[in-house]
Amino acid sequence: MQIDIYPGDYTLEPSFESTLAYLENGAPPDAIMGFNQLITMGALKALRAKKIRHQDITICGIDRLPFADIFGVPIACVAHDATLAGSSAVRVLLDRLENPARPRDKVIISGELDDAY
């Protein structure tokens, strides 16, 4: 199994361009995993531009894609508590500002697989 990782800026257009370039350079992958809604939608846009059916590739994202079911596109996702993630990040930042010598914290926000179909 080969895993290709493409960094991005977590927005739609760079994800679209990166996925499009990947698809132009070889066979489509077995699966695409987007690290947020916009990355996932950018990948979907590239698949559509290349006329690759979503049925032919497993698509999974982190964060739900609201209303994707309206278009009949099954997208499994890892859903997590965004409020907890945000409040944890602020707490870590405030702790670090209060004590810059403090060791780095590691915060894990658990997610749950939300199977689209």
N, C-alpha and C. Protein backbone atom coordinates (compact mmCIF):
# COMPACT_ATOMS: atom_id res chain seq x y z
N MET A 1 0.85 -1.18 0.00
CA MET A 1 0.00 0.00 0.00
C MET A 1 0.90 1.24 0.00
N GLN A 2 0.53 2.19 -0.81
CA GLN A 2 1.26 3.45 -0.90
C GLN A 2 0.36 4.57 -0.41
N ILE A 3 0.90 5.44 0.42
CA ILE A 3 0.15 6.59 0.89
C ILE A 3 0.89 7.85 0.45
N ASP A 4 0.20 8.69 -0.29
CA ASP A 4 0.77 9.97 -0.73
C ASP A 4 0.14 11.07 0.11
N ILE A 5 0.97 11.95 0.65
CA ILE A 5 0.49 13.04 1.49
C ILE A 5 0.83 14.36 0.80
N TYR A 6 -0.17 15.20 0.68
CA TYR A 6 0.02 16.51 0.06
C TYR A 6 -0.37 17.59 1.07
N PRO A 7 0.59 18.42 1.46
CA PRO A 7 0.27 19.49 2.40
C PRO A 7 -0.54 20.57 1.70
N GLY A 8 -1.29 21.32 2.47
CA GLY A 8 -2.09 22.40 1.90
C GLY A 8 -2.36 23.46 2.93
N ASP A 9 -3.16 24.42 2.53
CA ASP A 9 -3.46 25.51 3.46
C ASP A 9 -4.90 25.42 3.97
N TYR A 10 -5.49 24.27 3.84
CA TYR A 10 -6.83 23.99 4.38
C TYR A 10 -7.94 24.79 3.72
N THR A 11 -7.75 25.14 2.45
CA THR A 11 -8.80 25.83 1.71
C THR A 11 -9.15 25.05 0.45
N LEU A 12 -10.23 25.43 -0.20
CA LEU A 12 -10.77 24.66 -1.32
C LEU A 12 -9.90 24.71 -2.57
N GLU A 13 -9.54 25.87 -3.02
CA GLU A 13 -8.88 25.99 -4.33
C GLU A 13 -7.52 25.29 -4.39
N PRO A 14 -6.64 25.45 -3.39
CA PRO A 14 -5.38 24.70 -3.45
C PRO A 14 -5.59 23.18 -3.41
N SER A 15 -6.60 22.74 -2.67
CA SER A 15 -6.92 21.31 -2.63
C SER A 15 -7.38 20.85 -4.01
N PHE A 16 -8.22 21.64 -4.64
CA PHE A 16 -8.68 21.32 -5.99
C PHE A 16 -7.49 21.21 -6.95
N GLU A 17 -6.62 22.21 -6.94
CA GLU A 17 -5.47 22.23 -7.86
C GLU A 17 -4.52 21.05 -7.59
N SER A 18 -4.26 20.79 -6.32
CA SER A 18 -3.36 19.70 -5.95
C SER A 18 -3.93 18.34 -6.36
N THR A 19 -5.21 18.14 -6.09
CA THR A 19 -5.85 16.88 -6.46
C THR A 19 -5.91 16.72 -7.98
N LEU A 20 -6.22 17.81 -8.66
CA LEU A 20 -6.26 17.78 -10.12
C LEU A 20 -4.90 17.40 -10.70
N ALA A 21 -3.83 18.00 -10.18
CA ALA A 21 -2.48 17.68 -10.64
C ALA A 21 -2.15 16.21 -10.36
N TYR A 22 -2.53 15.72 -9.20
CA TYR A 22 -2.29 14.32 -8.85
C TYR A 22 -3.01 13.41 -9.84
N LEU A 23 -4.26 13.72 -10.13
CA LEU A 23 -5.05 12.89 -11.04
C LEU A 23 -4.52 12.92 -12.46
N GLU A 24 -3.90 14.01 -12.86
CA GLU A 24 -3.36 14.11 -14.21
C GLU A 24 -2.06 13.33 -14.38
N ASN A 25 -1.41 12.98 -13.25
CA ASN A 25 -0.11 12.32 -13.31
C ASN A 25 -0.17 10.82 -13.12
N GLY A 26 -1.34 10.24 -13.14
CA GLY A 26 -1.40 8.80 -12.97
C GLY A 26 -2.81 8.31 -12.71
N ALA A 27 -2.88 7.08 -12.31
CA ALA A 27 -4.17 6.45 -12.03
C ALA A 27 -4.78 7.07 -10.77
N PRO A 28 -6.10 7.13 -10.72
CA PRO A 28 -6.75 7.66 -9.51
C PRO A 28 -6.41 6.80 -8.29
N PRO A 29 -6.36 7.40 -7.13
CA PRO A 29 -6.08 6.63 -5.92
C PRO A 29 -7.29 5.78 -5.52
N ASP A 30 -7.08 4.88 -4.60
CA ASP A 30 -8.19 4.08 -4.07
C ASP A 30 -9.06 4.92 -3.15
N ALA A 31 -8.44 5.90 -2.47
CA ALA A 31 -9.18 6.70 -1.49
C ALA A 31 -8.55 8.09 -1.38
N ILE A 32 -9.36 9.03 -0.94
CA ILE A 32 -8.90 10.38 -0.64
C ILE A 32 -9.41 10.74 0.75
N MET A 33 -8.51 11.27 1.57
CA MET A 33 -8.86 11.70 2.93
C MET A 33 -8.58 13.19 3.02
N GLY A 34 -9.62 13.97 3.26
CA GLY A 34 -9.45 15.42 3.41
C GLY A 34 -9.41 15.78 4.89
N PHE A 35 -8.50 16.67 5.26
CA PHE A 35 -8.34 17.01 6.68
C PHE A 35 -9.29 18.10 7.16
N ASN A 36 -10.15 18.60 6.30
CA ASN A 36 -11.26 19.47 6.71
C ASN A 36 -12.27 19.51 5.57
N GLN A 37 -13.36 20.22 5.78
CA GLN A 37 -14.44 20.27 4.78
C GLN A 37 -13.96 20.84 3.45
N LEU A 38 -13.19 21.92 3.50
CA LEU A 38 -12.78 22.57 2.26
C LEU A 38 -11.82 21.72 1.45
N ILE A 39 -10.92 21.02 2.12
CA ILE A 39 -10.01 20.12 1.40
C ILE A 39 -10.81 19.00 0.74
N THR A 40 -11.74 18.45 1.47
CA THR A 40 -12.58 17.37 0.92
C THR A 40 -13.38 17.87 -0.28
N MET A 41 -13.97 19.05 -0.17
CA MET A 41 -14.74 19.60 -1.30
C MET A 41 -13.84 19.93 -2.48
N GLY A 42 -12.62 20.40 -2.24
CA GLY A 42 -11.70 20.66 -3.34
C GLY A 42 -11.35 19.37 -4.08
N ALA A 43 -11.16 18.30 -3.33
CA ALA A 43 -10.88 17.00 -3.96
C ALA A 43 -12.09 16.53 -4.77
N LEU A 44 -13.29 16.69 -4.20
CA LEU A 44 -14.50 16.31 -4.94
C LEU A 44 -14.64 17.12 -6.23
N LYS A 45 -14.31 18.39 -6.17
CA LYS A 45 -14.37 19.25 -7.36
C LYS A 45 -13.40 18.75 -8.43
N ALA A 46 -12.20 18.33 -8.01
CA ALA A 46 -11.22 17.81 -8.97
C ALA A 46 -11.69 16.50 -9.57
N LEU A 47 -12.27 15.63 -8.75
CA LEU A 47 -12.81 14.36 -9.28
C LEU A 47 -13.88 14.65 -10.33
N ARG A 48 -14.72 15.60 -10.04
CA ARG A 48 -15.78 15.95 -10.99
C ARG A 48 -15.19 16.53 -12.28
N ALA A 49 -14.16 17.37 -12.15
CA ALA A 49 -13.52 17.97 -13.34
C ALA A 49 -12.89 16.90 -14.22
N LYS A 50 -12.38 15.83 -13.60
CA LYS A 50 -11.77 14.74 -14.36
C LYS A 50 -12.77 13.65 -14.73
N LYS A 51 -14.05 13.91 -14.42
CA LYS A 51 -15.13 12.98 -14.73
C LYS A 51 -14.93 11.61 -14.08
N ILE A 52 -14.41 11.64 -12.85
CA ILE A 52 -14.25 10.42 -12.07
C ILE A 52 -15.42 10.36 -11.09
N ARG A 53 -16.16 9.27 -11.18
CA ARG A 53 -17.35 9.13 -10.33
C ARG A 53 -16.95 8.90 -8.87
N HIS A 54 -17.71 9.50 -7.97
CA HIS A 54 -17.40 9.31 -6.55
C HIS A 54 -17.58 7.86 -6.12
N GLN A 55 -18.32 7.08 -6.88
CA GLN A 55 -18.50 5.66 -6.58
C GLN A 55 -17.20 4.88 -6.79
N ASP A 56 -16.28 5.44 -7.58
CA ASP A 56 -15.05 4.74 -7.91
C ASP A 56 -13.91 5.00 -6.93
N ILE A 57 -14.09 5.93 -6.00
CA ILE A 57 -13.05 6.29 -5.03
C ILE A 57 -13.70 6.45 -3.66
N THR A 58 -13.08 5.89 -2.66
CA THR A 58 -13.55 6.10 -1.29
C THR A 58 -13.14 7.50 -0.86
N ILE A 59 -14.10 8.26 -0.36
CA ILE A 59 -13.82 9.62 0.08
C ILE A 59 -14.17 9.72 1.56
N CYS A 60 -13.23 10.24 2.31
CA CYS A 60 -13.44 10.40 3.75
C CYS A 60 -12.87 11.76 4.14
N GLY A 61 -13.51 12.40 5.08
CA GLY A 61 -13.04 13.70 5.52
C GLY A 61 -13.06 13.83 7.03
N ILE A 62 -12.39 14.83 7.50
CA ILE A 62 -12.47 15.19 8.91
C ILE A 62 -13.39 16.40 8.95
N ASP A 63 -14.40 16.31 9.71
CA ASP A 63 -15.51 17.27 9.81
C ASP A 63 -16.60 16.84 8.84
N ARG A 64 -17.80 17.02 9.26
CA ARG A 64 -18.94 16.66 8.42
C ARG A 64 -19.07 17.63 7.25
N LEU A 65 -19.57 17.11 6.16
CA LEU A 65 -19.92 17.95 5.01
C LEU A 65 -21.43 18.10 5.02
N PRO A 66 -21.92 19.20 5.59
CA PRO A 66 -23.37 19.36 5.68
C PRO A 66 -24.02 19.33 4.30
N PHE A 67 -25.10 18.64 4.21
CA PHE A 67 -25.94 18.59 3.01
C PHE A 67 -25.32 17.85 1.83
N ALA A 68 -24.21 17.14 2.03
CA ALA A 68 -23.63 16.36 0.92
C ALA A 68 -24.61 15.32 0.43
N ASP A 69 -25.46 14.84 1.34
CA ASP A 69 -26.43 13.82 0.94
C ASP A 69 -27.43 14.34 -0.08
N ILE A 70 -27.63 15.65 -0.14
CA ILE A 70 -28.54 16.23 -1.14
C ILE A 70 -28.07 15.89 -2.55
N PHE A 71 -26.76 15.81 -2.74
CA PHE A 71 -26.19 15.55 -4.05
C PHE A 71 -25.90 14.07 -4.27
N GLY A 72 -26.27 13.24 -3.29
CA GLY A 72 -26.07 11.80 -3.44
C GLY A 72 -24.62 11.38 -3.38
N VAL A 73 -23.79 12.15 -2.71
CA VAL A 73 -22.37 11.84 -2.60
C VAL A 73 -22.10 11.28 -1.20
N PRO A 74 -21.82 10.00 -1.09
CA PRO A 74 -21.56 9.42 0.22
C PRO A 74 -20.15 9.79 0.70
N ILE A 75 -20.08 10.48 1.80
CA ILE A 75 -18.79 10.88 2.34
C ILE A 75 -18.75 10.50 3.82
N ALA A 76 -17.95 9.50 4.12
CA ALA A 76 -17.74 9.16 5.52
C ALA A 76 -16.85 10.25 6.12
N CYS A 77 -17.04 10.51 7.40
CA CYS A 77 -16.20 11.54 8.01
C CYS A 77 -15.90 11.19 9.46
N VAL A 78 -14.84 11.78 9.94
CA VAL A 78 -14.49 11.69 11.34
C VAL A 78 -14.98 12.98 11.97
N ALA A 79 -16.00 12.87 12.79
CA ALA A 79 -16.59 14.05 13.44
C ALA A 79 -15.99 14.19 14.83
N HIS A 80 -15.70 15.42 15.18
CA HIS A 80 -15.16 15.69 16.51
C HIS A 80 -15.83 16.93 17.09
N ASP A 81 -15.62 17.15 18.35
CA ASP A 81 -16.21 18.29 19.06
C ASP A 81 -15.37 19.53 18.79
N ALA A 82 -15.79 20.36 17.84
CA ALA A 82 -15.03 21.56 17.46
C ALA A 82 -14.94 22.56 18.60
N THR A 83 -15.98 22.65 19.42
CA THR A 83 -15.95 23.57 20.55
C THR A 83 -14.87 23.14 21.54
N LEU A 84 -14.79 21.85 21.80
CA LEU A 84 -13.75 21.34 22.70
C LEU A 84 -12.36 21.57 22.11
N ALA A 85 -12.21 21.35 20.81
CA ALA A 85 -10.92 21.58 20.16
C ALA A 85 -10.51 23.04 20.28
N GLY A 86 -11.44 23.95 20.01
CA GLY A 86 -11.13 25.38 20.09
C GLY A 86 -10.81 25.83 21.50
N SER A 87 -11.61 25.40 22.47
CA SER A 87 -11.37 25.82 23.86
C SER A 87 -10.07 25.22 24.38
N SER A 88 -9.73 24.01 23.96
CA SER A 88 -8.46 23.39 24.37
C SER A 88 -7.28 24.16 23.79
N ALA A 89 -7.39 24.57 22.54
CA ALA A 89 -6.32 25.35 21.91
C ALA A 89 -6.11 26.68 22.63
N VAL A 90 -7.19 27.33 22.99
CA VAL A 90 -7.08 28.62 23.71
C VAL A 90 -6.45 28.39 25.08
N ARG A 91 -6.85 27.33 25.77
CA ARG A 91 -6.27 27.04 27.08
C ARG A 91 -4.77 26.81 26.98
N VAL A 92 -4.34 26.02 25.99
CA VAL A 92 -2.92 25.75 25.80
C VAL A 92 -2.17 27.04 25.51
N LEU A 93 -2.74 27.89 24.67
CA LEU A 93 -2.12 29.17 24.33
C LEU A 93 -1.98 30.06 25.57
N LEU A 94 -3.05 30.19 26.34
CA LEU A 94 -3.00 31.04 27.54
C LEU A 94 -2.01 30.50 28.57
N ASP A 95 -1.97 29.18 28.73
CA ASP A 95 -0.99 28.57 29.64
C ASP A 95 0.43 28.88 29.18
N ARG A 96 0.68 28.81 27.89
CA ARG A 96 2.02 29.07 27.35
C ARG A 96 2.38 30.55 27.51
N LEU A 97 1.41 31.45 27.30
CA LEU A 97 1.69 32.88 27.49
C LEU A 97 2.01 33.19 28.95
N GLU A 98 1.34 32.51 29.85
CA GLU A 98 1.57 32.72 31.27
C GLU A 98 2.93 32.18 31.70
N ASN A 99 3.34 31.08 31.09
CA ASN A 99 4.61 30.45 31.45
C ASN A 99 5.28 29.93 30.19
N PRO A 100 6.07 30.79 29.49
CA PRO A 100 6.70 30.37 28.23
C PRO A 100 7.65 29.18 28.36
N ALA A 101 8.16 28.91 29.55
CA ALA A 101 9.09 27.79 29.74
C ALA A 101 8.36 26.46 29.97
N ARG A 102 7.07 26.53 30.08
CA ARG A 102 6.27 25.34 30.33
C ARG A 102 6.46 24.34 29.19
N PRO A 103 6.56 23.04 29.51
CA PRO A 103 6.67 22.04 28.43
C PRO A 103 5.43 22.08 27.54
N ARG A 104 5.61 21.70 26.30
CA ARG A 104 4.49 21.68 25.36
C ARG A 104 3.44 20.68 25.81
N ASP A 105 2.20 21.10 25.68
CA ASP A 105 1.08 20.21 26.00
C ASP A 105 0.70 19.41 24.76
N LYS A 106 0.15 18.24 24.99
CA LYS A 106 -0.40 17.43 23.91
C LYS A 106 -1.86 17.20 24.24
N VAL A 107 -2.73 17.69 23.38
CA VAL A 107 -4.17 17.56 23.59
C VAL A 107 -4.72 16.68 22.49
N ILE A 108 -5.47 15.69 22.86
CA ILE A 108 -6.09 14.80 21.88
C ILE A 108 -7.60 14.97 21.96
N ILE A 109 -8.19 15.30 20.84
CA ILE A 109 -9.64 15.41 20.74
C ILE A 109 -10.11 14.18 19.96
N SER A 110 -10.83 13.33 20.62
CA SER A 110 -11.29 12.09 19.98
C SER A 110 -12.36 12.39 18.93
N GLY A 111 -12.35 11.60 17.90
CA GLY A 111 -13.36 11.71 16.86
C GLY A 111 -14.13 10.42 16.75
N GLU A 112 -15.20 10.49 15.99
CA GLU A 112 -16.05 9.31 15.80
C GLU A 112 -16.38 9.20 14.31
N LEU A 113 -16.27 8.01 13.77
CA LEU A 113 -16.59 7.80 12.36
C LEU A 113 -18.08 7.96 12.14
N ASP A 114 -18.42 8.83 11.23
CA ASP A 114 -19.81 9.07 10.85
C ASP A 114 -19.95 8.57 9.42
N ASP A 115 -20.48 7.38 9.27
CA ASP A 115 -20.61 6.77 7.95
C ASP A 115 -21.76 7.44 7.20
N ALA A 116 -21.46 8.00 6.05
CA ALA A 116 -22.45 8.76 5.30
C ALA A 116 -23.59 7.87 4.80
N TYR A 117 -23.32 6.69 4.36
CA TYR A 117 -24.35 5.81 3.82
C TYR A 117 -24.15 4.42 4.36
